[in-house]
Amino acid sequence: MLVKKYTCPTCGGNKVDEITTGYVYCDYCSSLVNYDLEKMLSEAEKSFSSEQQNEIKQKYYKKLQELSNYIQSEDTDNFVKTQCEIHALEFELFPKRFSPKIKQATFRQKLLEYFESFWYEKMENGYFAKNNETQKLFSELSSKVTFGFKNGKSVPKYDEHFEKYIEEMSSFLKISIEETLNMTSIKKYPEPITSTSKDVMYKQSFNMTIQMYDTDTIHKLIEKFGLKTEYIEVSNLQQTKTKCFVCNHEISIPEGAKKKVCENCGTTNDIENQKVQCYACGASFSIAESFVCTYCGSKVQVLGKKTKKDEVVKETSKKKQEEQKIDTSKNNKKGFFQKLFN
């Protein structure tokens, strides 16, 4: 079986199941393994196409303009508020850019809380002044690049000027991520910070930087920076099919797996203990009787997806309706005979 070469730094297992977003989770222990840049190409192509116009996209561009105005006026509170609103719109506009866990209401809320803390901390560290200097640097570099425009995508002339621009951008991203990982707000980041976090953050940021370019340019950049996905052959792979404990979606479990992130609803399924992980407190609990965490009281709520609870409620409601019909039928029959013999 040919699979992408993504080896887990925690347990040593290789990713063997299908990847639906940029985030790559281990199929054996659920640790974050990598970020698949190539997976993002189709989404970027669709999202930035001039043919795709929708309400979310219009709101997104409007918020970007508002953000630019708040940068000019150095309005901290409105800048942070608008930046968080932009992140929330990005969850809808670029869902594959983020983890499938973003479908979980608790995880999404914690991520937004992290963004708010992150941006306020950036403000305290002189963000507006630093941003002005950064903009000057990249404006000077980009002025030497020749850009075209086709099908809603920027098409740069791939020469030494463009390469210099991208190299400086890549260096800037790496420095920014180092700073991010040393910020106090990182403690609120809903994913565990591991040895792969820096690489994942870099690839996600790099993706956001290059996704406005045409597909040929993106492929060249991925090749240039050594981000092309490698493939390996995995033999004697034994997998069993089961259902996600929350959404009932079919998931493949390789032999020896202990935890698995459902790509459909973002739930971390504790296969070994038949439990799910709470994204509010991190504990594992059983949802056999309740979709509420027994440790912190948070509810499991999947945005835009049906859960097993929904199916149970539906079946229970259907059963009650059938019982009511039977009771009504009995009462009607009783009334008929009472009328007949009275």
Protein backbone atom coordinates (compact mmCIF):
# COMPACT_ATOMS: atom_id res chain seq x y z
CA MET A 1 0.00 0.00 0.00
CA LEU A 2 1.47 3.36 -1.11
CA VAL A 3 0.98 6.14 1.48
CA LYS A 4 2.37 9.59 2.17
CA LYS A 5 5.53 9.56 4.27
CA TYR A 6 4.33 11.13 7.50
CA THR A 7 5.94 9.45 10.50
CA CYS A 8 4.65 10.22 13.97
CA PRO A 9 7.37 11.60 16.30
CA THR A 10 5.42 10.32 19.32
CA CYS A 11 4.81 6.64 18.54
CA GLY A 12 6.70 6.07 15.26
CA GLY A 13 3.62 5.05 13.27
CA ASN A 14 3.07 6.27 9.73
CA LYS A 15 -0.07 8.00 8.48
CA VAL A 16 -2.01 5.39 6.52
CA ASP A 17 -5.57 6.70 6.29
CA GLU A 18 -7.00 9.40 4.02
CA ILE A 19 -6.14 13.03 4.85
CA THR A 20 -9.03 15.48 4.41
CA THR A 21 -7.44 18.72 5.68
CA GLY A 22 -3.95 20.18 5.89
CA TYR A 23 -3.55 18.75 9.40
CA VAL A 24 -2.09 15.25 9.52
CA TYR A 25 -2.87 13.23 12.64
CA CYS A 26 -1.33 9.90 13.57
CA ASP A 27 -3.69 6.98 12.98
CA TYR A 28 -2.21 5.14 15.96
CA CYS A 29 -2.03 7.72 18.78
CA SER A 30 -3.80 10.84 17.37
CA SER A 31 -0.72 13.09 17.75
CA LEU A 32 -0.31 15.94 15.27
CA VAL A 33 2.28 14.67 12.77
CA ASN A 34 2.58 17.17 9.94
CA TYR A 35 0.84 19.67 7.64
CA ASP A 36 0.04 18.63 4.08
CA LEU A 37 0.65 21.65 1.81
CA GLU A 38 -0.30 19.83 -1.36
CA LYS A 39 -3.70 19.02 0.11
CA MET A 40 -4.43 22.72 0.17
CA LEU A 41 -3.98 23.38 -3.56
CA SER A 42 -7.51 22.50 -4.64
CA GLU A 43 -9.07 24.57 -1.85
CA ALA A 44 -6.90 27.60 -2.63
CA GLU A 45 -7.72 27.29 -6.32
CA LYS A 46 -11.44 27.20 -5.59
CA SER A 47 -11.49 29.88 -2.88
CA PHE A 48 -9.58 32.49 -4.87
CA SER A 49 -11.25 31.78 -8.22
CA SER A 50 -13.05 34.81 -9.66
CA GLU A 51 -15.97 32.49 -10.45
CA GLN A 52 -16.65 31.78 -6.80
CA GLN A 53 -18.46 34.68 -5.15
CA ASN A 54 -20.46 34.10 -2.00
CA GLU A 55 -21.62 35.91 1.10
CA ILE A 56 -18.81 34.61 3.32
CA LYS A 57 -16.17 35.68 0.81
CA GLN A 58 -17.69 39.16 0.55
CA LYS A 59 -17.73 39.50 4.36
CA TYR A 60 -14.13 38.30 4.43
CA TYR A 61 -12.88 40.98 2.04
CA LYS A 62 -14.91 43.63 3.84
CA LYS A 63 -13.32 42.67 7.17
CA LEU A 64 -9.85 42.76 5.60
CA GLN A 65 -10.51 46.34 4.50
CA GLU A 66 -11.73 47.25 7.99
CA LEU A 67 -8.60 45.66 9.44
CA SER A 68 -6.42 47.79 7.17
CA ASN A 69 -8.22 50.91 8.43
CA TYR A 70 -7.66 49.93 12.07
CA ILE A 71 -3.96 49.37 11.36
CA GLN A 72 -3.75 52.87 9.92
CA SER A 73 -5.52 54.38 12.94
CA GLU A 74 -3.72 52.02 15.38
CA ASP A 75 -7.05 51.09 16.97
CA THR A 76 -6.07 48.14 19.16
CA ASP A 77 -9.47 46.89 20.36
CA ASN A 78 -11.18 47.07 16.97
CA PHE A 79 -8.13 45.54 15.31
CA VAL A 80 -8.19 42.49 17.64
CA LYS A 81 -11.98 42.16 17.39
CA THR A 82 -11.88 42.30 13.57
CA GLN A 83 -8.90 39.95 13.36
CA CYS A 84 -10.83 37.34 15.37
CA GLU A 85 -13.88 37.84 13.12
CA ILE A 86 -11.62 37.22 10.11
CA HIS A 87 -10.33 33.99 11.67
CA ALA A 88 -13.93 32.84 12.23
CA LEU A 89 -14.74 33.54 8.55
CA GLU A 90 -11.60 31.65 7.51
CA PHE A 91 -12.93 28.57 9.32
CA GLU A 92 -15.80 28.60 6.80
CA LEU A 93 -13.96 29.87 3.73
CA PHE A 94 -10.83 27.72 4.09
CA PRO A 95 -11.92 24.71 6.21
CA LYS A 96 -9.08 22.48 4.94
CA ARG A 97 -6.52 25.02 6.16
CA PHE A 98 -7.47 24.06 9.70
CA SER A 99 -7.75 20.88 11.73
CA PRO A 100 -10.93 18.78 11.38
CA LYS A 101 -11.27 19.49 15.12
CA ILE A 102 -12.51 22.94 14.09
CA LYS A 103 -15.90 21.27 13.55
CA GLN A 104 -16.10 20.78 17.31
CA ALA A 105 -17.72 23.85 18.93
CA THR A 106 -15.50 23.68 22.05
CA PHE A 107 -12.26 23.39 20.05
CA ARG A 108 -13.30 26.26 17.75
CA GLN A 109 -14.10 28.51 20.71
CA LYS A 110 -10.78 27.72 22.41
CA LEU A 111 -8.92 28.50 19.17
CA LEU A 112 -10.68 31.88 18.90
CA GLU A 113 -9.83 32.61 22.54
CA TYR A 114 -6.20 31.82 21.73
CA PHE A 115 -6.25 34.18 18.74
CA GLU A 116 -7.66 36.97 20.89
CA SER A 117 -4.91 36.51 23.53
CA PHE A 118 -2.29 36.20 20.79
CA TRP A 119 -3.23 39.47 19.09
CA TYR A 120 -3.51 41.42 22.34
CA GLU A 121 -0.04 40.22 23.29
CA LYS A 122 1.23 41.28 19.87
CA MET A 123 -0.25 44.73 20.50
CA GLU A 124 1.60 44.97 23.82
CA ASN A 125 4.83 44.14 22.00
CA GLY A 126 4.49 47.05 19.56
CA TYR A 127 2.77 45.28 16.67
CA PHE A 128 1.75 48.42 14.72
CA ALA A 129 5.28 49.86 14.57
CA LYS A 130 6.81 46.49 13.67
CA ASN A 131 4.14 45.92 11.02
CA ASN A 132 4.97 49.26 9.37
CA GLU A 133 8.63 48.26 9.10
CA THR A 134 7.72 44.84 7.71
CA GLN A 135 5.38 46.37 5.12
CA LYS A 136 8.10 48.75 3.95
CA LEU A 137 10.56 45.89 3.52
CA PHE A 138 8.22 43.69 1.50
CA SER A 139 6.81 46.59 -0.52
CA GLU A 140 10.34 47.36 -1.67
CA LEU A 141 11.00 43.72 -2.54
CA SER A 142 7.66 43.20 -4.32
CA SER A 143 8.15 46.38 -6.38
CA LYS A 144 10.90 44.56 -8.27
CA VAL A 145 8.63 41.60 -9.08
CA THR A 146 6.52 41.52 -12.23
CA PHE A 147 3.00 40.29 -11.51
CA GLY A 148 0.28 39.20 -13.90
CA PHE A 149 -3.31 38.21 -13.13
CA LYS A 150 -5.30 35.26 -14.45
CA ASN A 151 -8.55 33.59 -13.30
CA GLY A 152 -8.49 35.41 -9.97
CA LYS A 153 -4.90 34.32 -9.24
CA SER A 154 -1.68 36.32 -9.09
CA VAL A 155 0.86 35.08 -11.66
CA PRO A 156 4.37 36.33 -10.83
CA LYS A 157 7.30 36.22 -13.22
CA TYR A 158 9.45 33.51 -11.69
CA ASP A 159 12.88 35.16 -11.64
CA GLU A 160 15.60 36.14 -9.13
CA HIS A 161 13.51 39.06 -7.83
CA PHE A 162 10.53 36.84 -7.04
CA GLU A 163 12.78 34.20 -5.44
CA LYS A 164 14.39 36.90 -3.26
CA TYR A 165 10.95 38.11 -2.21
CA ILE A 166 9.78 34.60 -1.25
CA GLU A 167 13.03 33.74 0.53
CA GLU A 168 12.72 36.85 2.69
CA MET A 169 9.09 35.99 3.37
CA SER A 170 10.04 32.45 4.39
CA SER A 171 12.73 33.77 6.78
CA PHE A 172 10.24 36.24 8.25
CA LEU A 173 7.72 33.44 8.88
CA LYS A 174 10.30 31.30 10.67
CA ILE A 175 11.32 34.18 12.95
CA SER A 176 7.64 35.00 13.65
CA ILE A 177 6.87 31.40 14.58
CA GLU A 178 9.84 31.29 16.99
CA GLU A 179 8.41 34.40 18.64
CA THR A 180 4.91 32.88 18.70
CA LEU A 181 6.10 29.73 20.47
CA ASN A 182 7.76 31.88 23.15
CA MET A 183 4.70 34.04 23.79
CA THR A 184 2.62 33.67 26.95
CA SER A 185 -0.56 33.25 24.88
CA ILE A 186 0.70 29.96 23.39
CA LYS A 187 -0.47 28.31 26.61
CA LYS A 188 -4.03 28.80 25.33
CA TYR A 189 -3.37 27.08 21.99
CA PRO A 190 -5.81 24.11 21.91
CA GLU A 191 -3.35 21.68 20.29
CA PRO A 192 -0.50 20.25 22.41
CA ILE A 193 2.82 21.95 21.58
CA THR A 194 5.19 19.20 20.41
CA SER A 195 8.38 18.80 18.38
CA THR A 196 6.30 19.08 15.19
CA SER A 197 4.49 22.30 16.13
CA LYS A 198 7.09 24.65 14.64
CA ASP A 199 7.10 22.81 11.31
CA VAL A 200 3.28 22.64 11.19
CA MET A 201 2.93 26.36 11.95
CA TYR A 202 5.51 27.24 9.31
CA LYS A 203 3.80 25.16 6.63
CA GLN A 204 0.38 26.58 7.50
CA SER A 205 1.74 30.14 7.36
CA PHE A 206 3.64 29.43 4.14
CA ASN A 207 0.43 28.05 2.64
CA MET A 208 -1.43 31.28 3.49
CA THR A 209 1.39 33.27 1.88
CA ILE A 210 1.53 31.41 -1.44
CA GLN A 211 -2.08 30.34 -1.99
CA MET A 212 -2.97 33.49 -3.96
CA TYR A 213 -0.50 32.46 -6.69
CA ASP A 214 -1.23 30.31 -9.72
CA THR A 215 -0.89 26.53 -9.40
CA ASP A 216 2.36 26.28 -11.41
CA THR A 217 4.07 28.86 -9.18
CA ILE A 218 2.86 27.09 -6.02
CA HIS A 219 4.28 23.76 -7.22
CA LYS A 220 7.63 25.41 -8.00
CA LEU A 221 7.75 26.96 -4.52
CA ILE A 222 6.88 23.70 -2.81
CA GLU A 223 9.69 22.03 -4.75
CA LYS A 224 12.17 24.85 -4.04
CA PHE A 225 11.62 24.84 -0.28
CA GLY A 226 11.70 21.04 0.02
CA LEU A 227 8.04 20.76 0.98
CA LYS A 228 7.02 18.19 -1.60
CA THR A 229 5.31 15.15 -0.12
CA GLU A 230 7.20 11.85 -0.28
CA TYR A 231 5.56 8.43 -0.54
CA ILE A 232 6.48 5.06 0.98
CA GLU A 233 5.20 1.51 0.65
CA VAL A 234 3.50 0.06 3.74
CA SER A 235 3.10 -3.71 3.68
CA ASN A 236 1.06 -6.13 5.79
CA LEU A 237 -1.26 -3.36 6.92
CA GLN A 238 -4.19 -4.76 8.89
CA GLN A 239 -7.15 -2.38 9.36
CA THR A 240 -10.62 -2.82 10.79
CA LYS A 241 -13.67 -0.65 10.17
CA THR A 242 -15.56 0.91 13.04
CA LYS A 243 -17.78 3.92 13.70
CA CYS A 244 -16.79 7.24 15.24
CA PHE A 245 -18.21 7.36 18.78
CA VAL A 246 -19.74 10.80 18.11
CA CYS A 247 -20.82 11.19 14.47
CA ASN A 248 -21.13 7.49 13.52
CA HIS A 249 -18.90 8.06 10.46
CA GLU A 250 -16.96 4.97 9.38
CA ILE A 251 -13.26 5.15 10.30
CA SER A 252 -10.40 2.75 9.60
CA ILE A 253 -8.40 1.54 12.59
CA PRO A 254 -4.94 0.07 11.90
CA GLU A 255 -3.82 -2.81 14.07
CA GLY A 256 -2.34 -1.52 17.34
CA ALA A 257 -4.06 1.89 17.20
CA LYS A 258 -5.03 3.47 20.53
CA LYS A 259 -6.49 6.84 19.48
CA LYS A 260 -7.87 8.11 16.19
CA VAL A 261 -9.05 11.57 15.09
CA CYS A 262 -12.24 11.34 13.04
CA GLU A 263 -11.71 13.32 9.82
CA ASN A 264 -15.48 13.82 9.52
CA CYS A 265 -16.27 15.54 12.84
CA GLY A 266 -12.88 16.09 14.49
CA THR A 267 -13.50 13.85 17.52
CA THR A 268 -10.49 12.16 19.10
CA ASN A 269 -11.72 8.59 19.57
CA ASP A 270 -10.00 6.72 22.42
CA ILE A 271 -10.25 3.30 20.75
CA GLU A 272 -8.51 1.46 23.55
CA ASN A 273 -10.92 2.65 26.26
CA GLN A 274 -14.04 3.26 24.13
CA LYS A 275 -14.10 6.95 25.09
CA VAL A 276 -13.74 10.39 23.47
CA GLN A 277 -11.45 13.27 24.38
CA CYS A 278 -12.93 16.47 25.79
CA TYR A 279 -11.48 19.51 24.00
CA ALA A 280 -12.29 21.74 26.97
CA CYS A 281 -10.31 19.94 29.69
CA GLY A 282 -8.44 17.21 27.78
CA ALA A 283 -9.93 14.29 29.74
CA SER A 284 -11.36 11.16 28.13
CA PHE A 285 -14.92 10.19 28.98
CA SER A 286 -17.62 7.80 27.83
CA ILE A 287 -20.53 9.14 25.78
CA ALA A 288 -22.55 5.95 26.11
CA GLU A 289 -25.08 7.72 28.34
CA SER A 290 -24.32 11.42 27.93
CA PHE A 291 -22.60 13.82 25.50
CA VAL A 292 -21.44 15.90 28.49
CA CYS A 293 -17.90 15.57 29.85
CA THR A 294 -18.05 13.98 33.30
CA TYR A 295 -14.99 15.99 34.42
CA CYS A 296 -15.74 19.59 33.36
CA GLY A 297 -19.36 19.56 32.16
CA SER A 298 -18.61 20.65 28.57
CA LYS A 299 -20.96 19.38 25.89
CA VAL A 300 -19.84 17.59 22.75
CA GLN A 301 -21.29 19.71 19.95
CA VAL A 302 -20.33 19.14 16.32
CA LEU A 303 -21.03 22.09 14.04
CA GLY A 304 -22.95 21.18 10.89
CA LYS A 305 -22.76 17.42 11.55
CA LYS A 306 -25.22 14.86 12.90
CA THR A 307 -24.12 12.92 15.95
CA LYS A 308 -25.16 9.59 17.44
CA LYS A 309 -27.13 11.61 20.00
CA ASP A 310 -29.11 13.22 17.18
CA GLU A 311 -29.88 9.79 15.77
CA VAL A 312 -30.94 8.51 19.20
CA VAL A 313 -33.19 11.55 19.72
CA LYS A 314 -34.66 11.03 16.25
CA GLU A 315 -35.33 7.33 16.90
CA THR A 316 -36.77 8.08 20.36
CA SER A 317 -39.04 10.78 18.92
CA LYS A 318 -40.15 8.44 16.14
CA LYS A 319 -40.89 5.70 18.69
CA LYS A 320 -42.91 8.11 20.86
CA GLN A 321 -44.91 9.25 17.83
CA GLU A 322 -45.72 5.62 16.95
CA GLU A 323 -46.76 4.92 20.57
CA GLN A 324 -48.98 8.01 20.55
CA LYS A 325 -50.61 6.82 17.32
CA ILE A 326 -51.32 3.44 18.94
CA ASP A 327 -52.78 5.10 22.06
CA THR A 328 -54.93 7.38 19.92
CA SER A 329 -56.13 4.43 17.90
CA LYS A 330 -57.07 2.54 21.09
CA ASN A 331 -58.96 5.54 22.47
CA ASN A 332 -60.85 5.96 19.19
CA LYS A 333 -61.85 2.30 19.20
CA LYS A 334 -62.96 2.54 22.82
CA GLY A 335 -65.04 5.60 22.05
CA PHE A 336 -66.75 3.82 19.15
CA PHE A 337 -67.83 0.82 21.28
CA GLN A 338 -68.95 3.06 24.14
CA LYS A 339 -71.16 4.98 21.71
CA LEU A 340 -72.47 1.73 20.23
CA PHE A 341 -73.62 0.24 23.55
CA ASN A 342 -74.80 3.44 25.29
